[in-house]
Amino acid sequence: MPTTDDDATLLQLQVSEWVNGPELNLEELRGRVLLIETFQMLCPGCVTAGIPQAQRVHQTFAADQVQVIGLHTVFEHHEVMGPEALKVFLAEFGVRFPVAVDLPVEGHVVPATMRHYRLQGTPSTLLVDRKGRVRNIHFGTMEDLALGAWLGTLLTESE
């Protein structure tokens, strides 16, 4: 998991579609800190902790400083977690930030972005610095204090 400038890599999202807002261009988001919250609709940890935490970050920080992005990364129950169900889910839970749908990979259960970053499951949080480099990947729910420390560190770094 990248944690320093030396081993950080540029963020790559492989997306089949965007919901809950316009398609985002990662190049245009340079200069902002990104919080990518990966989730599945049927994941209890996502519903009770990951998504609410991402919503708090989205409500707390100005979008020109911290951009929150959801990544719906389905690796089980594919038949019931399509884009239409996702739109209903986001409306029901009041999610206001943009959400990308992780690109399915033919012949594989795990979608493209999840495979690329070797994510262990959901919820997972990716933190990206102002230069577009993935600086931290955390599986499970990150403690609010730890997330705040990471965001504070990334926000104080220059481009």
C-alpha atoms as a PDB file:
ATOM      1  CA  MET A   1       0.000   0.000   0.000  1.00  0.00           C
ATOM      2  CA  PRO A   2       1.600   3.275  -1.078  1.00  0.00           C
ATOM      3  CA  THR A   3       2.402   5.650   1.762  1.00  0.00           C
ATOM      4  CA  THR A   4       5.354   7.752   0.567  1.00  0.00           C
ATOM      5  CA  ASP A   5       6.231   9.883  -2.435  1.00  0.00           C
ATOM      6  CA  ASP A   6       8.729   7.256  -3.606  1.00  0.00           C
ATOM      7  CA  ASP A   7       6.247   4.397  -3.906  1.00  0.00           C
ATOM      8  CA  ALA A   8       3.063   6.310  -4.775  1.00  0.00           C
ATOM      9  CA  THR A   9       1.485   5.701  -8.174  1.00  0.00           C
ATOM     10  CA  LEU A  10      -0.929   7.809 -10.176  1.00  0.00           C
ATOM     11  CA  LEU A  11      -4.583   7.064  -9.607  1.00  0.00           C
ATOM     12  CA  GLN A  12      -6.246   4.960 -12.289  1.00  0.00           C
ATOM     13  CA  LEU A  13      -9.964   4.264 -12.230  1.00  0.00           C
ATOM     14  CA  GLN A  14     -11.422   1.869 -14.768  1.00  0.00           C
ATOM     15  CA  VAL A  15     -15.080   2.832 -14.948  1.00  0.00           C
ATOM     16  CA  SER A  16     -18.031   1.484 -16.928  1.00  0.00           C
ATOM     17  CA  GLU A  17     -20.222   4.503 -16.096  1.00  0.00           C
ATOM     18  CA  TRP A  18     -20.780   7.385 -13.695  1.00  0.00           C
ATOM     19  CA  VAL A  19     -23.938   7.896 -11.673  1.00  0.00           C
ATOM     20  CA  ASN A  20     -25.040  10.580  -9.246  1.00  0.00           C
ATOM     21  CA  GLY A  21     -23.416  13.373 -11.213  1.00  0.00           C
ATOM     22  CA  PRO A  22     -21.366  14.070 -14.299  1.00  0.00           C
ATOM     23  CA  GLU A  23     -18.422  11.968 -15.385  1.00  0.00           C
ATOM     24  CA  LEU A  24     -15.276  13.176 -13.658  1.00  0.00           C
ATOM     25  CA  ASN A  25     -11.957  13.630 -15.419  1.00  0.00           C
ATOM     26  CA  LEU A  26      -9.126  12.705 -13.064  1.00  0.00           C
ATOM     27  CA  GLU A  27      -6.691  15.044 -14.831  1.00  0.00           C
ATOM     28  CA  GLU A  28      -9.034  17.967 -14.122  1.00  0.00           C
ATOM     29  CA  LEU A  29      -9.078  17.042 -10.427  1.00  0.00           C
ATOM     30  CA  ARG A  30      -5.324  17.556 -10.007  1.00  0.00           C
ATOM     31  CA  GLY A  31      -4.702  20.096  -7.282  1.00  0.00           C
ATOM     32  CA  ARG A  32      -7.361  18.534  -5.043  1.00  0.00           C
ATOM     33  CA  VAL A  33      -7.057  15.767  -2.506  1.00  0.00           C
ATOM     34  CA  LEU A  34      -9.263  12.812  -3.487  1.00  0.00           C
ATOM     35  CA  LEU A  35     -11.022  10.377  -1.209  1.00  0.00           C
ATOM     36  CA  ILE A  36     -12.221   7.319  -3.128  1.00  0.00           C
ATOM     37  CA  GLU A  37     -14.656   5.242  -1.074  1.00  0.00           C
ATOM     38  CA  THR A  38     -15.136   1.767  -2.520  1.00  0.00           C
ATOM     39  CA  PHE A  39     -18.358   0.042  -1.591  1.00  0.00           C
ATOM     40  CA  GLN A  40     -21.087  -2.419  -2.456  1.00  0.00           C
ATOM     41  CA  MET A  41     -24.761  -1.833  -1.716  1.00  0.00           C
ATOM     42  CA  LEU A  42     -25.101  -5.104   0.208  1.00  0.00           C
ATOM     43  CA  CYS A  43     -21.996  -4.571   2.343  1.00  0.00           C
ATOM     44  CA  PRO A  44     -22.977  -3.887   5.975  1.00  0.00           C
ATOM     45  CA  GLY A  45     -19.687  -2.108   6.774  1.00  0.00           C
ATOM     46  CA  CYS A  46     -20.162   0.131   3.736  1.00  0.00           C
ATOM     47  CA  VAL A  47     -23.721   1.077   4.669  1.00  0.00           C
ATOM     48  CA  THR A  48     -23.082   1.657   8.375  1.00  0.00           C
ATOM     49  CA  ALA A  49     -19.585   3.156   8.311  1.00  0.00           C
ATOM     50  CA  GLY A  50     -17.799   3.700   4.969  1.00  0.00           C
ATOM     51  CA  ILE A  51     -20.477   5.635   3.106  1.00  0.00           C
ATOM     52  CA  PRO A  52     -21.528   7.768   6.121  1.00  0.00           C
ATOM     53  CA  GLN A  53     -17.882   8.674   6.719  1.00  0.00           C
ATOM     54  CA  ALA A  54     -17.427   9.651   3.060  1.00  0.00           C
ATOM     55  CA  GLN A  55     -20.611  11.738   3.271  1.00  0.00           C
ATOM     56  CA  ARG A  56     -19.232  13.581   6.331  1.00  0.00           C
ATOM     57  CA  VAL A  57     -16.008  14.350   4.463  1.00  0.00           C
ATOM     58  CA  HIS A  58     -18.019  15.522   1.447  1.00  0.00           C
ATOM     59  CA  GLN A  59     -20.062  17.861   3.671  1.00  0.00           C
ATOM     60  CA  THR A  60     -17.052  19.126   5.662  1.00  0.00           C
ATOM     61  CA  PHE A  61     -14.540  20.073   2.979  1.00  0.00           C
ATOM     62  CA  ALA A  62     -14.888  22.422   0.029  1.00  0.00           C
ATOM     63  CA  ALA A  63     -15.027  20.452  -3.251  1.00  0.00           C
ATOM     64  CA  ASP A  64     -12.107  22.457  -4.648  1.00  0.00           C
ATOM     65  CA  GLN A  65      -9.949  21.109  -1.803  1.00  0.00           C
ATOM     66  CA  VAL A  66     -11.212  17.550  -1.209  1.00  0.00           C
ATOM     67  CA  GLN A  67     -13.197  15.660  -3.829  1.00  0.00           C
ATOM     68  CA  VAL A  68     -15.062  12.604  -2.573  1.00  0.00           C
ATOM     69  CA  ILE A  69     -15.779   9.915  -5.145  1.00  0.00           C
ATOM     70  CA  GLY A  70     -17.639   6.679  -4.587  1.00  0.00           C
ATOM     71  CA  LEU A  71     -16.533   3.556  -6.427  1.00  0.00           C
ATOM     72  CA  HIS A  72     -19.183   0.862  -6.616  1.00  0.00           C
ATOM     73  CA  THR A  73     -17.009  -2.196  -6.959  1.00  0.00           C
ATOM     74  CA  VAL A  74     -19.146  -5.319  -7.186  1.00  0.00           C
ATOM     75  CA  PHE A  75     -17.424  -8.657  -6.594  1.00  0.00           C
ATOM     76  CA  GLU A  76     -20.469 -10.657  -5.460  1.00  0.00           C
ATOM     77  CA  HIS A  77     -24.239 -10.704  -6.115  1.00  0.00           C
ATOM     78  CA  HIS A  78     -23.697  -9.091  -9.528  1.00  0.00           C
ATOM     79  CA  GLU A  79     -27.252  -9.768 -10.682  1.00  0.00           C
ATOM     80  CA  VAL A  80     -28.864  -7.520  -8.029  1.00  0.00           C
ATOM     81  CA  MET A  81     -26.348  -4.659  -7.898  1.00  0.00           C
ATOM     82  CA  GLY A  82     -26.656  -3.060 -11.321  1.00  0.00           C
ATOM     83  CA  PRO A  83     -26.647   0.680 -12.099  1.00  0.00           C
ATOM     84  CA  GLU A  84     -30.429   1.120 -11.736  1.00  0.00           C
ATOM     85  CA  ALA A  85     -30.424  -0.425  -8.253  1.00  0.00           C
ATOM     86  CA  LEU A  86     -27.379   1.704  -7.415  1.00  0.00           C
ATOM     87  CA  LYS A  87     -29.230   4.908  -8.343  1.00  0.00           C
ATOM     88  CA  VAL A  88     -32.107   3.972  -6.030  1.00  0.00           C
ATOM     89  CA  PHE A  89     -29.656   3.077  -3.247  1.00  0.00           C
ATOM     90  CA  LEU A  90     -27.827   6.419  -3.542  1.00  0.00           C
ATOM     91  CA  ALA A  91     -31.102   8.359  -3.450  1.00  0.00           C
ATOM     92  CA  GLU A  92     -32.375   6.382  -0.433  1.00  0.00           C
ATOM     93  CA  PHE A  93     -29.170   6.988   1.520  1.00  0.00           C
ATOM     94  CA  GLY A  94     -28.845  10.635   0.482  1.00  0.00           C
ATOM     95  CA  VAL A  95     -25.437  10.192  -1.133  1.00  0.00           C
ATOM     96  CA  ARG A  96     -24.534  13.447  -2.910  1.00  0.00           C
ATOM     97  CA  PHE A  97     -21.031  12.781  -4.241  1.00  0.00           C
ATOM     98  CA  PRO A  98     -20.305  11.296  -7.711  1.00  0.00           C
ATOM     99  CA  VAL A  99     -20.093   7.523  -7.962  1.00  0.00           C
ATOM    100  CA  ALA A 100     -18.200   5.511 -10.556  1.00  0.00           C
ATOM    101  CA  VAL A 101     -19.126   1.927 -11.385  1.00  0.00           C
ATOM    102  CA  ASP A 102     -15.999  -0.237 -11.407  1.00  0.00           C
ATOM    103  CA  LEU A 103     -15.513  -1.861 -14.804  1.00  0.00           C
ATOM    104  CA  PRO A 104     -16.488  -5.551 -14.877  1.00  0.00           C
ATOM    105  CA  VAL A 105     -13.828  -7.857 -16.312  1.00  0.00           C
ATOM    106  CA  GLU A 106     -15.128 -10.698 -18.469  1.00  0.00           C
ATOM    107  CA  GLY A 107     -14.300 -14.038 -16.939  1.00  0.00           C
ATOM    108  CA  HIS A 108     -13.446 -12.547 -13.523  1.00  0.00           C
ATOM    109  CA  VAL A 109     -15.588 -11.932 -10.462  1.00  0.00           C
ATOM    110  CA  VAL A 110     -13.481  -8.973  -9.296  1.00  0.00           C
ATOM    111  CA  PRO A 111     -13.812  -5.744 -11.345  1.00  0.00           C
ATOM    112  CA  ALA A 112     -10.908  -3.865 -12.934  1.00  0.00           C
ATOM    113  CA  THR A 113     -10.031  -1.145 -10.406  1.00  0.00           C
ATOM    114  CA  MET A 114     -10.420  -3.497  -7.484  1.00  0.00           C
ATOM    115  CA  ARG A 115      -8.072  -5.954  -9.232  1.00  0.00           C
ATOM    116  CA  HIS A 116      -5.583  -3.215 -10.140  1.00  0.00           C
ATOM    117  CA  TYR A 117      -5.197  -2.061  -6.529  1.00  0.00           C
ATOM    118  CA  ARG A 118      -5.547  -5.600  -5.103  1.00  0.00           C
ATOM    119  CA  LEU A 119      -8.280  -4.401  -2.788  1.00  0.00           C
ATOM    120  CA  GLN A 120      -9.189  -7.009  -0.197  1.00  0.00           C
ATOM    121  CA  GLY A 121     -12.874  -6.083  -0.105  1.00  0.00           C
ATOM    122  CA  THR A 122     -15.241  -3.303   0.840  1.00  0.00           C
ATOM    123  CA  PRO A 123     -15.298  -0.818   2.326  1.00  0.00           C
ATOM    124  CA  SER A 124     -11.872   0.377   1.265  1.00  0.00           C
ATOM    125  CA  THR A 125     -10.622   3.952   1.131  1.00  0.00           C
ATOM    126  CA  LEU A 126      -8.041   5.314  -1.290  1.00  0.00           C
ATOM    127  CA  LEU A 127      -6.461   8.675  -0.518  1.00  0.00           C
ATOM    128  CA  VAL A 128      -4.912  10.568  -3.408  1.00  0.00           C
ATOM    129  CA  ASP A 129      -2.673  13.623  -3.120  1.00  0.00           C
ATOM    130  CA  ARG A 130      -2.876  16.869  -5.112  1.00  0.00           C
ATOM    131  CA  LYS A 131      -0.528  15.416  -7.756  1.00  0.00           C
ATOM    132  CA  GLY A 132      -2.878  12.489  -8.401  1.00  0.00           C
ATOM    133  CA  ARG A 133      -0.764   9.908  -6.580  1.00  0.00           C
ATOM    134  CA  VAL A 134      -2.376   7.183  -4.478  1.00  0.00           C
ATOM    135  CA  ARG A 135      -0.855   7.699  -1.060  1.00  0.00           C
ATOM    136  CA  ASN A 136      -2.862   5.388   1.170  1.00  0.00           C
ATOM    137  CA  ILE A 137      -5.156   2.404   0.729  1.00  0.00           C
ATOM    138  CA  HIS A 138      -7.088   1.263   3.762  1.00  0.00           C
ATOM    139  CA  PHE A 139      -9.278  -1.849   3.920  1.00  0.00           C
ATOM    140  CA  GLY A 140     -12.170  -1.654   6.347  1.00  0.00           C
ATOM    141  CA  THR A 141     -13.405   1.391   8.155  1.00  0.00           C
ATOM    142  CA  MET A 142     -10.704   3.950   8.834  1.00  0.00           C
ATOM    143  CA  GLU A 143     -10.946   5.655  12.214  1.00  0.00           C
ATOM    144  CA  ASP A 144     -12.129   9.265  11.865  1.00  0.00           C
ATOM    145  CA  LEU A 145      -9.017  10.601  13.613  1.00  0.00           C
ATOM    146  CA  ALA A 146      -6.695   8.661  11.298  1.00  0.00           C
ATOM    147  CA  LEU A 147      -8.621   9.835   8.232  1.00  0.00           C
ATOM    148  CA  GLY A 148      -8.513  13.422   9.488  1.00  0.00           C
ATOM    149  CA  ALA A 149      -4.755  13.185  10.017  1.00  0.00           C
ATOM    150  CA  TRP A 150      -4.281  11.857   6.474  1.00  0.00           C
ATOM    151  CA  LEU A 151      -6.498  14.556   4.965  1.00  0.00           C
ATOM    152  CA  GLY A 152      -4.720  17.262   6.964  1.00  0.00           C
ATOM    153  CA  THR A 153      -1.329  16.016   5.815  1.00  0.00           C
ATOM    154  CA  LEU A 154      -2.359  15.809   2.164  1.00  0.00           C
ATOM    155  CA  LEU A 155      -4.036  19.231   2.253  1.00  0.00           C
ATOM    156  CA  THR A 156      -0.918  20.928   3.615  1.00  0.00           C
ATOM    157  CA  GLU A 157       1.335  19.489   0.916  1.00  0.00           C
ATOM    158  CA  SER A 158       1.949  21.667  -2.096  1.00  0.00           C
ATOM    159  CA  GLU A 159       1.303  20.640  -5.682  1.00  0.00           C
END
